[in-house]
Amino acid sequence: QVQLVESGGGLVQPGGSLRLSCVVSGIDLENYVIGWFRQAPGKEREGVSCIDRKGGSTYYSDSAKGRFTISRDNAKSIAYLQMTSLKSEDTGVYFCAPRPWVTTTVQQLCLPPLPRTWGRGTQVTVSS
């Protein structure tokens, strides 16, 4: 059974940076596409960025393009999201989720319908 543990969130001022980590256990991450998702207060969960199993193909939402960078370390079974130039609208709980590479593309993972298995997430608050 897959287990997902997100970390790295916190309170940061606008313009600041954070690096989120997602430790994955219970599966061989190399066989999975993985993505980061955000749930802002009062809004539905949405895909932020997704990466293919080798790290060669990525997808970014319009809001994330140019500011966020997704990466992964299959040997450590960790996915990362480097967030820079943070804005108040980036506030929310961030989750990671994988899906087998044979069943999805990078873009498909990040767009509805979203995965159904989630960790607890990590809270990101961008505020002055």
Protein backbone atom coordinates (compact mmCIF):
# COMPACT_ATOMS: atom_id res chain seq x y z
CA GLN A 1 0.00 0.00 0.00
CA VAL A 2 1.41 3.34 -1.01
CA GLN A 3 2.26 5.84 1.70
CA LEU A 4 2.89 9.49 0.97
CA VAL A 5 4.49 11.93 3.40
CA GLU A 6 4.70 15.55 2.34
CA SER A 7 6.87 18.10 4.14
CA GLY A 8 8.58 21.43 3.68
CA GLY A 9 5.64 23.76 3.92
CA GLY A 10 5.48 26.80 6.15
CA LEU A 11 4.77 30.49 6.41
CA VAL A 12 6.67 32.59 3.89
CA GLN A 13 6.46 36.18 2.74
CA PRO A 14 5.44 37.06 -0.82
CA GLY A 15 8.42 36.65 -3.10
CA GLY A 16 9.92 33.96 -0.92
CA SER A 17 10.77 30.35 -1.69
CA LEU A 18 10.03 26.92 -0.32
CA ARG A 19 11.06 23.41 -1.26
CA LEU A 20 8.49 20.70 -0.71
CA SER A 21 9.39 17.03 -0.39
CA CYS A 22 7.25 13.94 -0.86
CA VAL A 23 8.58 10.68 0.50
CA VAL A 24 6.91 7.70 -1.14
CA SER A 25 6.92 4.18 0.25
CA GLY A 26 5.15 0.94 -0.57
CA ILE A 27 5.73 1.17 -4.32
CA ASP A 28 8.64 1.34 -6.75
CA LEU A 29 8.45 5.01 -7.59
CA GLU A 30 10.35 4.44 -10.82
CA ASN A 31 7.20 2.87 -12.27
CA TYR A 32 5.02 5.85 -11.46
CA VAL A 33 4.29 9.31 -12.72
CA ILE A 34 4.00 11.65 -9.76
CA GLY A 35 2.56 15.07 -9.23
CA TRP A 36 1.97 17.88 -6.80
CA PHE A 37 -1.49 19.17 -6.10
CA ARG A 38 -2.83 22.13 -4.17
CA GLN A 39 -6.03 22.72 -2.29
CA ALA A 40 -6.57 26.38 -1.57
CA PRO A 41 -9.07 27.45 1.08
CA GLY A 42 -12.59 27.03 -0.21
CA LYS A 43 -11.45 25.64 -3.54
CA GLU A 44 -11.17 22.26 -5.17
CA ARG A 45 -7.89 20.43 -5.28
CA GLU A 46 -5.96 21.11 -8.47
CA GLY A 47 -2.85 19.87 -10.20
CA VAL A 48 0.20 22.11 -9.89
CA SER A 49 2.96 20.10 -11.52
CA CYS A 50 3.59 16.53 -12.62
CA ILE A 51 6.67 14.63 -13.77
CA ASP A 52 7.15 11.40 -15.67
CA ARG A 53 8.92 8.40 -14.20
CA LYS A 54 12.33 9.27 -15.64
CA GLY A 55 12.06 12.98 -15.04
CA GLY A 56 12.28 13.83 -18.72
CA SER A 57 8.79 15.21 -19.16
CA THR A 58 7.00 17.68 -16.93
CA TYR A 59 3.72 19.54 -16.78
CA TYR A 60 3.03 22.82 -15.00
CA SER A 61 -0.20 24.62 -14.41
CA ASP A 62 -0.34 28.13 -15.79
CA SER A 63 0.11 29.55 -12.29
CA ALA A 64 3.21 27.44 -11.67
CA LYS A 65 5.02 27.99 -14.96
CA GLY A 66 8.27 29.90 -14.59
CA ARG A 67 8.16 29.85 -10.79
CA PHE A 68 7.99 26.22 -9.71
CA THR A 69 10.27 23.32 -10.58
CA ILE A 70 9.35 19.69 -10.06
CA SER A 71 11.98 17.01 -9.72
CA ARG A 72 12.38 13.49 -8.41
CA ASP A 73 14.99 11.12 -7.03
CA ASN A 74 13.85 7.58 -7.74
CA ALA A 75 16.72 6.06 -5.78
CA LYS A 76 15.52 7.87 -2.66
CA SER A 77 11.84 7.56 -3.62
CA ILE A 78 11.30 11.29 -3.17
CA ALA A 79 9.64 13.93 -5.30
CA TYR A 80 10.32 17.63 -4.86
CA LEU A 81 8.64 20.89 -5.69
CA GLN A 82 10.85 23.97 -5.63
CA MET A 83 8.66 27.04 -5.36
CA THR A 84 10.01 30.54 -5.93
CA SER A 85 8.49 34.01 -6.23
CA LEU A 86 5.63 32.85 -4.06
CA LYS A 87 2.35 34.74 -4.15
CA SER A 88 -0.56 34.87 -1.75
CA GLU A 89 -2.60 32.82 -4.20
CA ASP A 90 -0.14 29.94 -3.78
CA THR A 91 -1.48 29.47 -0.25
CA GLY A 92 -2.98 26.07 0.39
CA VAL A 93 -2.31 22.52 1.40
CA TYR A 94 0.03 20.76 -1.00
CA PHE A 95 -0.25 17.06 -1.68
CA CYS A 96 1.66 14.61 -3.81
CA ALA A 97 0.21 11.60 -5.58
CA PRO A 98 1.53 8.95 -7.98
CA ARG A 99 -0.12 6.95 -10.71
CA PRO A 100 1.34 4.00 -12.65
CA TRP A 101 3.09 5.21 -15.79
CA VAL A 102 1.29 2.65 -17.94
CA THR A 103 -2.08 4.21 -17.11
CA THR A 104 -1.38 7.92 -17.43
CA THR A 105 0.59 10.66 -19.07
CA VAL A 106 2.14 13.55 -17.18
CA GLN A 107 -0.62 15.92 -18.25
CA GLN A 108 -3.39 13.43 -17.50
CA LEU A 109 -2.17 13.00 -13.93
CA CYS A 110 -2.33 16.74 -13.31
CA LEU A 111 -5.80 17.21 -14.74
CA PRO A 112 -9.15 15.88 -13.48
CA PRO A 113 -10.00 13.25 -12.53
CA LEU A 114 -7.32 13.50 -9.88
CA PRO A 115 -5.83 10.57 -7.96
CA ARG A 116 -7.74 9.22 -4.99
CA THR A 117 -4.86 8.28 -2.71
CA TRP A 118 -3.42 11.15 -0.70
CA GLY A 119 -1.09 11.86 2.16
CA ARG A 120 -1.79 14.44 4.84
CA GLY A 121 -0.30 17.24 2.82
CA THR A 122 1.85 20.15 3.89
CA GLN A 123 0.50 23.64 4.53
CA VAL A 124 1.96 26.54 2.57
CA THR A 125 0.96 30.02 3.67
CA VAL A 126 2.18 33.03 1.74
CA SER A 127 1.54 36.17 3.70
CA SER A 128 3.26 39.32 4.85
